[in-house]
N, C-alpha and C. Protein backbone atom coordinates (compact mmCIF):
# COMPACT_ATOMS: atom_id res chain seq x y z
N MET A 1 -21.92 -24.40 -47.87
CA MET A 1 -22.05 -25.53 -46.96
C MET A 1 -21.00 -25.44 -45.85
N ILE A 2 -19.76 -25.28 -46.26
CA ILE A 2 -18.68 -25.19 -45.27
C ILE A 2 -18.82 -23.92 -44.43
N ALA A 3 -19.30 -22.84 -45.05
CA ALA A 3 -19.47 -21.59 -44.32
C ALA A 3 -20.49 -21.75 -43.19
N LYS A 4 -21.57 -22.49 -43.45
CA LYS A 4 -22.58 -22.70 -42.41
C LYS A 4 -22.01 -23.51 -41.26
N ILE A 5 -21.20 -24.51 -41.57
CA ILE A 5 -20.58 -25.33 -40.52
C ILE A 5 -19.64 -24.47 -39.67
N TRP A 6 -18.79 -23.67 -40.33
CA TRP A 6 -17.87 -22.81 -39.60
C TRP A 6 -18.61 -21.79 -38.75
N LYS A 7 -19.71 -21.27 -39.31
CA LYS A 7 -20.49 -20.30 -38.56
C LYS A 7 -21.05 -20.93 -37.28
N LYS A 8 -21.55 -22.15 -37.37
CA LYS A 8 -22.08 -22.83 -36.20
C LYS A 8 -20.98 -23.16 -35.20
N ILE A 9 -19.83 -23.57 -35.69
CA ILE A 9 -18.70 -23.90 -34.81
C ILE A 9 -18.23 -22.65 -34.07
N LEU A 10 -18.07 -21.56 -34.80
CA LEU A 10 -17.59 -20.33 -34.17
C LEU A 10 -18.63 -19.76 -33.19
N LEU A 11 -19.90 -19.89 -33.51
CA LEU A 11 -20.95 -19.45 -32.60
C LEU A 11 -20.92 -20.29 -31.31
N PHE A 12 -20.72 -21.58 -31.46
CA PHE A 12 -20.61 -22.46 -30.30
C PHE A 12 -19.41 -22.08 -29.44
N VAL A 13 -18.27 -21.82 -30.06
CA VAL A 13 -17.07 -21.42 -29.33
C VAL A 13 -17.31 -20.09 -28.61
N LEU A 14 -17.98 -19.17 -29.26
CA LEU A 14 -18.28 -17.87 -28.65
C LEU A 14 -19.17 -18.04 -27.42
N ILE A 15 -20.18 -18.88 -27.53
CA ILE A 15 -21.08 -19.12 -26.40
C ILE A 15 -20.32 -19.75 -25.24
N ILE A 16 -19.48 -20.74 -25.52
CA ILE A 16 -18.69 -21.39 -24.47
C ILE A 16 -17.75 -20.37 -23.82
N ALA A 17 -17.12 -19.51 -24.60
CA ALA A 17 -16.20 -18.51 -24.05
C ALA A 17 -16.95 -17.53 -23.13
N CYS A 18 -18.14 -17.12 -23.55
CA CYS A 18 -18.94 -16.21 -22.72
C CYS A 18 -19.36 -16.88 -21.41
N LEU A 19 -19.81 -18.11 -21.50
CA LEU A 19 -20.19 -18.84 -20.29
C LEU A 19 -19.01 -19.02 -19.35
N PHE A 20 -17.85 -19.35 -19.92
CA PHE A 20 -16.64 -19.50 -19.11
C PHE A 20 -16.29 -18.20 -18.42
N ASN A 21 -16.41 -17.08 -19.13
CA ASN A 21 -16.10 -15.77 -18.56
C ASN A 21 -17.04 -15.43 -17.41
N VAL A 22 -18.32 -15.67 -17.60
CA VAL A 22 -19.30 -15.37 -16.56
C VAL A 22 -19.07 -16.24 -15.33
N ILE A 23 -18.87 -17.53 -15.54
CA ILE A 23 -18.65 -18.44 -14.41
C ILE A 23 -17.36 -18.09 -13.68
N ASN A 24 -16.33 -17.74 -14.43
CA ASN A 24 -15.06 -17.36 -13.82
C ASN A 24 -15.22 -16.11 -12.95
N LYS A 25 -15.99 -15.13 -13.41
CA LYS A 25 -16.22 -13.92 -12.63
C LYS A 25 -17.02 -14.21 -11.37
N ILE A 26 -17.98 -15.12 -11.47
CA ILE A 26 -18.79 -15.47 -10.29
C ILE A 26 -17.93 -16.19 -9.26
N VAL A 27 -17.08 -17.10 -9.71
CA VAL A 27 -16.27 -17.88 -8.79
C VAL A 27 -15.22 -17.02 -8.11
N HIS A 28 -14.59 -16.12 -8.85
CA HIS A 28 -13.50 -15.31 -8.31
C HIS A 28 -13.95 -13.92 -7.90
N LYS A 29 -15.21 -13.78 -7.57
CA LYS A 29 -15.76 -12.49 -7.21
C LYS A 29 -15.17 -12.02 -5.88
N ALA A 30 -14.66 -10.79 -5.88
CA ALA A 30 -14.12 -10.22 -4.65
C ALA A 30 -15.29 -9.76 -3.78
N SER A 31 -15.13 -9.91 -2.49
CA SER A 31 -16.20 -9.50 -1.59
C SER A 31 -16.27 -7.98 -1.51
N MET A 32 -17.42 -7.49 -1.12
CA MET A 32 -17.63 -6.04 -1.02
C MET A 32 -16.69 -5.44 0.02
N GLU A 33 -16.44 -6.17 1.09
CA GLU A 33 -15.54 -5.68 2.13
C GLU A 33 -14.13 -5.48 1.57
N ASP A 34 -13.67 -6.44 0.77
CA ASP A 34 -12.33 -6.31 0.17
C ASP A 34 -12.27 -5.12 -0.78
N GLU A 35 -13.33 -4.90 -1.56
CA GLU A 35 -13.36 -3.77 -2.49
C GLU A 35 -13.32 -2.44 -1.74
N VAL A 36 -14.11 -2.32 -0.67
CA VAL A 36 -14.15 -1.08 0.10
C VAL A 36 -12.81 -0.84 0.78
N ARG A 37 -12.23 -1.90 1.32
CA ARG A 37 -10.95 -1.77 2.00
C ARG A 37 -9.85 -1.33 1.02
N ALA A 38 -9.84 -1.91 -0.18
CA ALA A 38 -8.85 -1.53 -1.18
C ALA A 38 -9.04 -0.08 -1.61
N SER A 39 -10.28 0.34 -1.78
CA SER A 39 -10.55 1.73 -2.16
C SER A 39 -10.11 2.70 -1.07
N ALA A 40 -10.40 2.36 0.18
CA ALA A 40 -10.00 3.23 1.29
C ALA A 40 -8.48 3.31 1.39
N GLN A 41 -7.81 2.21 1.19
CA GLN A 41 -6.35 2.21 1.24
C GLN A 41 -5.77 3.07 0.12
N TYR A 42 -6.34 2.97 -1.06
CA TYR A 42 -5.87 3.77 -2.20
C TYR A 42 -6.05 5.26 -1.92
N VAL A 43 -7.22 5.63 -1.42
CA VAL A 43 -7.49 7.04 -1.12
C VAL A 43 -6.52 7.53 -0.05
N GLN A 44 -6.28 6.72 0.98
CA GLN A 44 -5.36 7.12 2.04
C GLN A 44 -3.95 7.31 1.50
N GLU A 45 -3.52 6.44 0.62
CA GLU A 45 -2.19 6.58 0.01
C GLU A 45 -2.09 7.85 -0.82
N GLN A 46 -3.16 8.20 -1.54
CA GLN A 46 -3.15 9.43 -2.34
C GLN A 46 -3.07 10.66 -1.44
N ILE A 47 -3.79 10.63 -0.33
CA ILE A 47 -3.75 11.75 0.62
C ILE A 47 -2.36 11.88 1.22
N ASP A 48 -1.75 10.75 1.59
CA ASP A 48 -0.40 10.77 2.16
C ASP A 48 0.60 11.30 1.15
N ASN A 49 0.46 10.92 -0.11
CA ASN A 49 1.37 11.41 -1.16
C ASN A 49 1.23 12.90 -1.36
N GLU A 50 0.02 13.40 -1.32
CA GLU A 50 -0.19 14.86 -1.46
C GLU A 50 0.41 15.62 -0.29
N LYS A 51 0.31 15.07 0.91
CA LYS A 51 0.89 15.74 2.09
C LYS A 51 2.41 15.78 2.00
N ARG A 52 3.01 14.71 1.48
CA ARG A 52 4.48 14.66 1.35
C ARG A 52 4.97 15.65 0.32
N ASN A 53 4.19 15.89 -0.73
CA ASN A 53 4.61 16.76 -1.81
C ASN A 53 4.41 18.23 -1.49
N MET A 54 3.75 18.55 -0.41
CA MET A 54 3.51 19.95 -0.05
C MET A 54 4.69 20.55 0.61
């Protein structure tokens, strides 16, 4: 009896945690422009580091 109640409670908590995670990712989603800019900056820094080490 108690096991069934705990199972339902934990399942409910799991569902709420998943929904919170999904909503949080949607709200704080980085724009594509920011992602591309960050990637380009990282690549440029790696190229500059390789040139300095030569």
